[in-house]
Amino acid sequence: MPTYTGKSLADGQVAIAQTAIYTVPAATIAFVKQIRFFNTNAVTQLVEIWIKRSGGTARKQAQFQLDQDEAADYLEEGGTLELSAGDAILAKTGTAAAVDYMVLGVEEA
């Protein structure tokens, strides 16, 4: 019987190189409900997002600019991103330690 756990799946700061911000654990399906980005820096930041399926190529999904103290969500309210084991969400920005992120959702194991 599957177990469903709602939680913060990942959090941290977006790197200046394309880097995984969340990778689905083995034998797990993730239902991502929200990905929130917040610019803590005085300089406007360009945030880029990719989805990489397990064993596949990263595919760019979005990019947007955040002014100082501005937040943005990648998924629209009520939206869900379903990811399989080994799939990853990647992101990058122009200044190290400038953009915080939080990934919220449910894991089915």
N, C-alpha and C. Protein backbone atom coordinates (compact mmCIF):
# COMPACT_ATOMS: atom_id res chain seq x y z
N MET A 1 0.84 -1.17 0.00
CA MET A 1 0.00 0.00 0.00
C MET A 1 0.89 1.24 0.00
N PRO A 2 0.66 2.18 -0.92
CA PRO A 2 1.51 3.37 -0.98
C PRO A 2 1.34 4.26 0.25
N THR A 3 2.41 4.94 0.57
CA THR A 3 2.41 5.92 1.65
C THR A 3 2.57 7.30 1.03
N TYR A 4 1.72 8.25 1.43
CA TYR A 4 1.77 9.62 0.92
C TYR A 4 2.25 10.55 2.04
N THR A 5 3.27 11.34 1.75
CA THR A 5 3.82 12.26 2.74
C THR A 5 3.89 13.66 2.15
N GLY A 6 3.08 14.57 2.68
CA GLY A 6 3.13 15.97 2.27
C GLY A 6 4.19 16.69 3.07
N LYS A 7 5.04 17.48 2.39
CA LYS A 7 6.14 18.13 3.11
C LYS A 7 6.85 19.15 2.23
N SER A 8 7.80 19.82 2.83
CA SER A 8 8.75 20.61 2.07
C SER A 8 9.73 19.62 1.45
N LEU A 9 9.74 19.54 0.14
CA LEU A 9 10.58 18.57 -0.55
C LEU A 9 12.04 19.03 -0.63
N ALA A 10 12.23 20.34 -0.70
CA ALA A 10 13.59 20.89 -0.80
C ALA A 10 13.56 22.39 -0.54
N ASP A 11 14.68 22.93 -0.10
CA ASP A 11 14.82 24.38 0.04
C ASP A 11 16.30 24.72 0.01
N GLY A 12 16.59 25.96 -0.31
CA GLY A 12 17.99 26.39 -0.36
C GLY A 12 18.13 27.66 -1.16
N GLN A 13 19.29 27.81 -1.81
CA GLN A 13 19.57 28.98 -2.64
C GLN A 13 19.96 28.51 -4.03
N VAL A 14 19.44 29.19 -5.03
CA VAL A 14 19.71 28.84 -6.42
C VAL A 14 21.17 29.16 -6.76
N ALA A 15 21.83 28.24 -7.44
CA ALA A 15 23.24 28.41 -7.83
C ALA A 15 23.36 29.22 -9.12
N ILE A 16 24.61 29.60 -9.45
CA ILE A 16 24.85 30.34 -10.69
C ILE A 16 25.05 29.42 -11.89
N ALA A 17 25.10 28.12 -11.65
CA ALA A 17 25.16 27.13 -12.72
C ALA A 17 23.91 26.27 -12.64
N GLN A 18 23.50 25.72 -13.77
CA GLN A 18 22.32 24.85 -13.79
C GLN A 18 22.54 23.69 -12.82
N THR A 19 21.74 23.65 -11.75
CA THR A 19 21.91 22.69 -10.66
C THR A 19 20.56 22.16 -10.21
N ALA A 20 20.51 20.88 -9.84
CA ALA A 20 19.27 20.29 -9.34
C ALA A 20 18.88 20.92 -8.00
N ILE A 21 17.64 21.39 -7.92
CA ILE A 21 17.14 21.90 -6.64
C ILE A 21 16.26 20.86 -5.96
N TYR A 22 15.82 19.84 -6.72
CA TYR A 22 15.08 18.72 -6.15
C TYR A 22 15.19 17.54 -7.10
N THR A 23 15.54 16.37 -6.56
CA THR A 23 15.57 15.13 -7.31
C THR A 23 14.69 14.12 -6.59
N VAL A 24 13.81 13.47 -7.33
CA VAL A 24 12.89 12.51 -6.73
C VAL A 24 13.67 11.28 -6.28
N PRO A 25 13.49 10.86 -5.02
CA PRO A 25 14.19 9.67 -4.52
C PRO A 25 13.78 8.39 -5.27
N ALA A 26 14.60 7.34 -5.14
CA ALA A 26 14.31 6.05 -5.75
C ALA A 26 12.98 5.50 -5.24
N ALA A 27 12.28 4.76 -6.07
CA ALA A 27 11.01 4.10 -5.73
C ALA A 27 9.96 5.08 -5.20
N THR A 28 9.96 6.29 -5.75
CA THR A 28 9.07 7.35 -5.28
C THR A 28 8.48 8.11 -6.46
N ILE A 29 7.25 8.57 -6.30
CA ILE A 29 6.63 9.51 -7.23
C ILE A 29 6.40 10.80 -6.45
N ALA A 30 6.73 11.93 -7.05
CA ALA A 30 6.53 13.22 -6.39
C ALA A 30 5.44 14.01 -7.10
N PHE A 31 4.59 14.63 -6.31
CA PHE A 31 3.56 15.53 -6.81
C PHE A 31 3.92 16.92 -6.28
N VAL A 32 4.59 17.71 -7.10
CA VAL A 32 5.04 19.04 -6.69
C VAL A 32 3.88 20.01 -6.84
N LYS A 33 3.57 20.72 -5.76
CA LYS A 33 2.43 21.64 -5.74
C LYS A 33 2.86 23.10 -5.83
N GLN A 34 4.07 23.40 -5.36
CA GLN A 34 4.52 24.79 -5.39
C GLN A 34 6.04 24.84 -5.42
N ILE A 35 6.57 25.73 -6.24
CA ILE A 35 8.00 26.05 -6.23
C ILE A 35 8.08 27.57 -6.11
N ARG A 36 8.54 28.04 -4.97
CA ARG A 36 8.58 29.48 -4.69
C ARG A 36 10.02 29.96 -4.73
N PHE A 37 10.24 31.08 -5.41
CA PHE A 37 11.54 31.73 -5.49
C PHE A 37 11.43 33.13 -4.89
N PHE A 38 12.49 33.58 -4.18
CA PHE A 38 12.49 34.90 -3.56
C PHE A 38 13.87 35.53 -3.72
N ASN A 39 13.92 36.73 -4.30
CA ASN A 39 15.18 37.44 -4.51
C ASN A 39 15.55 38.24 -3.26
N THR A 40 16.64 37.86 -2.61
CA THR A 40 17.11 38.56 -1.41
C THR A 40 18.16 39.62 -1.74
N ASN A 41 18.51 39.75 -3.02
CA ASN A 41 19.60 40.62 -3.45
C ASN A 41 19.07 41.95 -3.98
N ALA A 42 19.90 42.99 -3.92
CA ALA A 42 19.51 44.32 -4.42
C ALA A 42 19.45 44.37 -5.95
N VAL A 43 20.09 43.40 -6.61
CA VAL A 43 20.14 43.37 -8.07
C VAL A 43 19.04 42.46 -8.60
N THR A 44 18.37 42.89 -9.66
CA THR A 44 17.36 42.05 -10.32
C THR A 44 18.00 40.75 -10.78
N GLN A 45 17.32 39.63 -10.52
CA GLN A 45 17.85 38.31 -10.86
C GLN A 45 17.01 37.64 -11.94
N LEU A 46 17.67 37.02 -12.91
CA LEU A 46 17.01 36.18 -13.90
C LEU A 46 17.05 34.76 -13.37
N VAL A 47 15.90 34.13 -13.20
CA VAL A 47 15.81 32.75 -12.74
C VAL A 47 15.39 31.88 -13.92
N GLU A 48 16.12 30.78 -14.14
CA GLU A 48 15.80 29.85 -15.21
C GLU A 48 15.51 28.48 -14.60
N ILE A 49 14.52 27.76 -15.17
CA ILE A 49 14.08 26.48 -14.63
C ILE A 49 14.03 25.43 -15.74
N TRP A 50 14.52 24.23 -15.42
CA TRP A 50 14.48 23.09 -16.32
C TRP A 50 13.87 21.89 -15.59
N ILE A 51 13.30 20.97 -16.36
CA ILE A 51 12.89 19.66 -15.85
C ILE A 51 13.75 18.63 -16.57
N LYS A 52 14.33 17.71 -15.81
CA LYS A 52 15.15 16.64 -16.38
C LYS A 52 14.56 15.31 -15.96
N ARG A 53 14.04 14.58 -16.93
CA ARG A 53 13.52 13.24 -16.66
C ARG A 53 14.70 12.30 -16.43
N SER A 54 14.50 11.28 -15.61
CA SER A 54 15.55 10.33 -15.27
C SER A 54 16.20 9.78 -16.54
N GLY A 55 17.50 9.95 -16.65
CA GLY A 55 18.24 9.46 -17.81
C GLY A 55 18.07 10.31 -19.06
N GLY A 56 17.33 11.40 -18.96
CA GLY A 56 17.05 12.24 -20.13
C GLY A 56 17.86 13.52 -20.14
N THR A 57 17.45 14.42 -21.01
CA THR A 57 18.09 15.72 -21.17
C THR A 57 17.26 16.79 -20.47
N ALA A 58 17.91 17.73 -19.83
CA ALA A 58 17.19 18.83 -19.17
C ALA A 58 16.51 19.68 -20.23
N ARG A 59 15.22 19.97 -20.01
CA ARG A 59 14.43 20.78 -20.93
C ARG A 59 13.98 22.06 -20.23
N LYS A 60 14.33 23.20 -20.83
CA LYS A 60 13.99 24.49 -20.22
C LYS A 60 12.48 24.67 -20.21
N GLN A 61 11.95 25.07 -19.05
CA GLN A 61 10.52 25.23 -18.86
C GLN A 61 10.11 26.69 -18.69
N ALA A 62 10.96 27.49 -18.08
CA ALA A 62 10.58 28.88 -17.79
C ALA A 62 11.80 29.71 -17.45
N GLN A 63 11.62 31.01 -17.58
CA GLN A 63 12.57 31.98 -17.04
C GLN A 63 11.80 33.24 -16.71
N PHE A 64 12.24 33.91 -15.66
CA PHE A 64 11.58 35.14 -15.24
C PHE A 64 12.56 35.97 -14.43
N GLN A 65 12.25 37.27 -14.32
CA GLN A 65 13.09 38.18 -13.54
C GLN A 65 12.42 38.49 -12.21
N LEU A 66 13.26 38.58 -11.18
CA LEU A 66 12.79 38.96 -9.85
C LEU A 66 13.54 40.20 -9.39
N ASP A 67 12.80 41.24 -9.05
CA ASP A 67 13.40 42.43 -8.44
C ASP A 67 13.72 42.13 -6.98
N GLN A 68 14.43 43.05 -6.32
CA GLN A 68 14.75 42.88 -4.90
C GLN A 68 13.47 42.66 -4.10
N ASP A 69 13.51 41.70 -3.18
CA ASP A 69 12.40 41.37 -2.28
C ASP A 69 11.13 40.94 -3.03
N GLU A 70 11.28 40.44 -4.24
CA GLU A 70 10.14 39.95 -5.01
C GLU A 70 10.14 38.42 -5.01
N ALA A 71 8.93 37.85 -4.93
CA ALA A 71 8.76 36.40 -4.96
C ALA A 71 7.98 36.01 -6.20
N ALA A 72 8.16 34.76 -6.64
CA ALA A 72 7.40 34.22 -7.76
C ALA A 72 7.25 32.72 -7.57
N ASP A 73 6.11 32.21 -8.03
CA ASP A 73 5.85 30.77 -8.02
C ASP A 73 5.99 30.24 -9.44
N TYR A 74 6.62 29.07 -9.58
CA TYR A 74 6.75 28.46 -10.90
C TYR A 74 5.43 27.83 -11.33
N LEU A 75 4.74 27.15 -10.43
CA LEU A 75 3.47 26.51 -10.76
C LEU A 75 2.31 27.44 -10.42
N GLU A 76 1.30 27.43 -11.28
CA GLU A 76 0.11 28.22 -10.99
C GLU A 76 -0.65 27.59 -9.83
N GLU A 77 -1.41 28.40 -9.10
CA GLU A 77 -2.19 27.90 -7.98
C GLU A 77 -3.09 26.76 -8.44
N GLY A 78 -3.05 25.65 -7.71
CA GLY A 78 -3.85 24.48 -8.06
C GLY A 78 -3.16 23.54 -9.04
N GLY A 79 -2.01 23.96 -9.58
CA GLY A 79 -1.28 23.12 -10.53
C GLY A 79 -0.47 22.05 -9.82
N THR A 80 -0.14 21.00 -10.55
CA THR A 80 0.68 19.91 -10.01
C THR A 80 1.68 19.46 -11.07
N LEU A 81 2.89 19.24 -10.65
CA LEU A 81 3.94 18.69 -11.51
C LEU A 81 4.23 17.29 -10.99
N GLU A 82 3.95 16.26 -11.80
CA GLU A 82 4.18 14.87 -11.38
C GLU A 82 5.54 14.42 -11.91
N LEU A 83 6.39 13.96 -11.00
CA LEU A 83 7.73 13.51 -11.35
C LEU A 83 7.95 12.09 -10.85
N SER A 84 8.70 11.32 -11.62
CA SER A 84 9.02 9.93 -11.27
C SER A 84 10.40 9.85 -10.63
N ALA A 85 10.72 8.68 -10.09
CA ALA A 85 12.02 8.46 -9.44
C ALA A 85 13.16 8.87 -10.38
N GLY A 86 14.08 9.65 -9.86
CA GLY A 86 15.23 10.09 -10.62
C GLY A 86 15.02 11.36 -11.43
N ASP A 87 13.77 11.80 -11.60
CA ASP A 87 13.51 13.07 -12.29
C ASP A 87 14.00 14.22 -11.41
N ALA A 88 14.34 15.34 -12.04
CA ALA A 88 14.88 16.47 -11.27
C ALA A 88 14.35 17.80 -11.79
N ILE A 89 14.27 18.74 -10.86
CA ILE A 89 14.00 20.14 -11.19
C ILE A 89 15.33 20.87 -11.05
N LEU A 90 15.73 21.59 -12.08
CA LEU A 90 16.99 22.32 -12.07
C LEU A 90 16.72 23.82 -12.19
N ALA A 91 17.62 24.61 -11.65
CA ALA A 91 17.48 26.06 -11.73
C ALA A 91 18.86 26.71 -11.73
N LYS A 92 18.88 27.97 -12.16
CA LYS A 92 20.10 28.78 -12.05
C LYS A 92 19.71 30.25 -12.04
N THR A 93 20.61 31.07 -11.54
CA THR A 93 20.43 32.52 -11.53
C THR A 93 21.79 33.17 -11.72
N GLY A 94 21.83 34.49 -11.81
CA GLY A 94 23.06 35.19 -12.13
C GLY A 94 23.99 35.51 -10.98
N THR A 95 23.48 35.50 -9.75
CA THR A 95 24.28 35.86 -8.59
C THR A 95 24.16 34.77 -7.53
N ALA A 96 25.29 34.24 -7.08
CA ALA A 96 25.27 33.19 -6.05
C ALA A 96 24.60 33.69 -4.78
N ALA A 97 23.83 32.84 -4.14
CA ALA A 97 23.19 33.10 -2.85
C ALA A 97 22.22 34.28 -2.88
N ALA A 98 21.67 34.60 -4.07
CA ALA A 98 20.76 35.75 -4.18
C ALA A 98 19.29 35.35 -4.16
N VAL A 99 18.98 34.12 -4.60
CA VAL A 99 17.59 33.70 -4.73
C VAL A 99 17.35 32.46 -3.88
N ASP A 100 16.47 32.59 -2.90
CA ASP A 100 16.05 31.44 -2.08
C ASP A 100 14.94 30.69 -2.81
N TYR A 101 14.82 29.38 -2.53
CA TYR A 101 13.73 28.61 -3.11
C TYR A 101 13.18 27.63 -2.09
N MET A 102 11.93 27.21 -2.33
CA MET A 102 11.31 26.16 -1.54
C MET A 102 10.41 25.35 -2.47
N VAL A 103 10.54 24.03 -2.41
CA VAL A 103 9.72 23.11 -3.21
C VAL A 103 8.79 22.39 -2.25
N LEU A 104 7.48 22.51 -2.47
CA LEU A 104 6.48 21.89 -1.60
C LEU A 104 5.67 20.87 -2.40
N GLY A 105 5.30 19.77 -1.74
CA GLY A 105 4.50 18.77 -2.43
C GLY A 105 4.29 17.52 -1.61
N VAL A 106 4.02 16.43 -2.33
CA VAL A 106 3.71 15.14 -1.72
C VAL A 106 4.57 14.08 -2.40
N GLU A 107 5.14 13.18 -1.60
CA GLU A 107 5.86 12.03 -2.14
C GLU A 107 5.06 10.76 -1.87
N GLU A 108 4.96 9.91 -2.90
CA GLU A 108 4.31 8.61 -2.78
C GLU A 108 5.40 7.54 -2.85
N ALA A 109 5.50 6.76 -1.79
CA ALA A 109 6.54 5.71 -1.76
C ALA A 109 5.91 4.36 -1.52
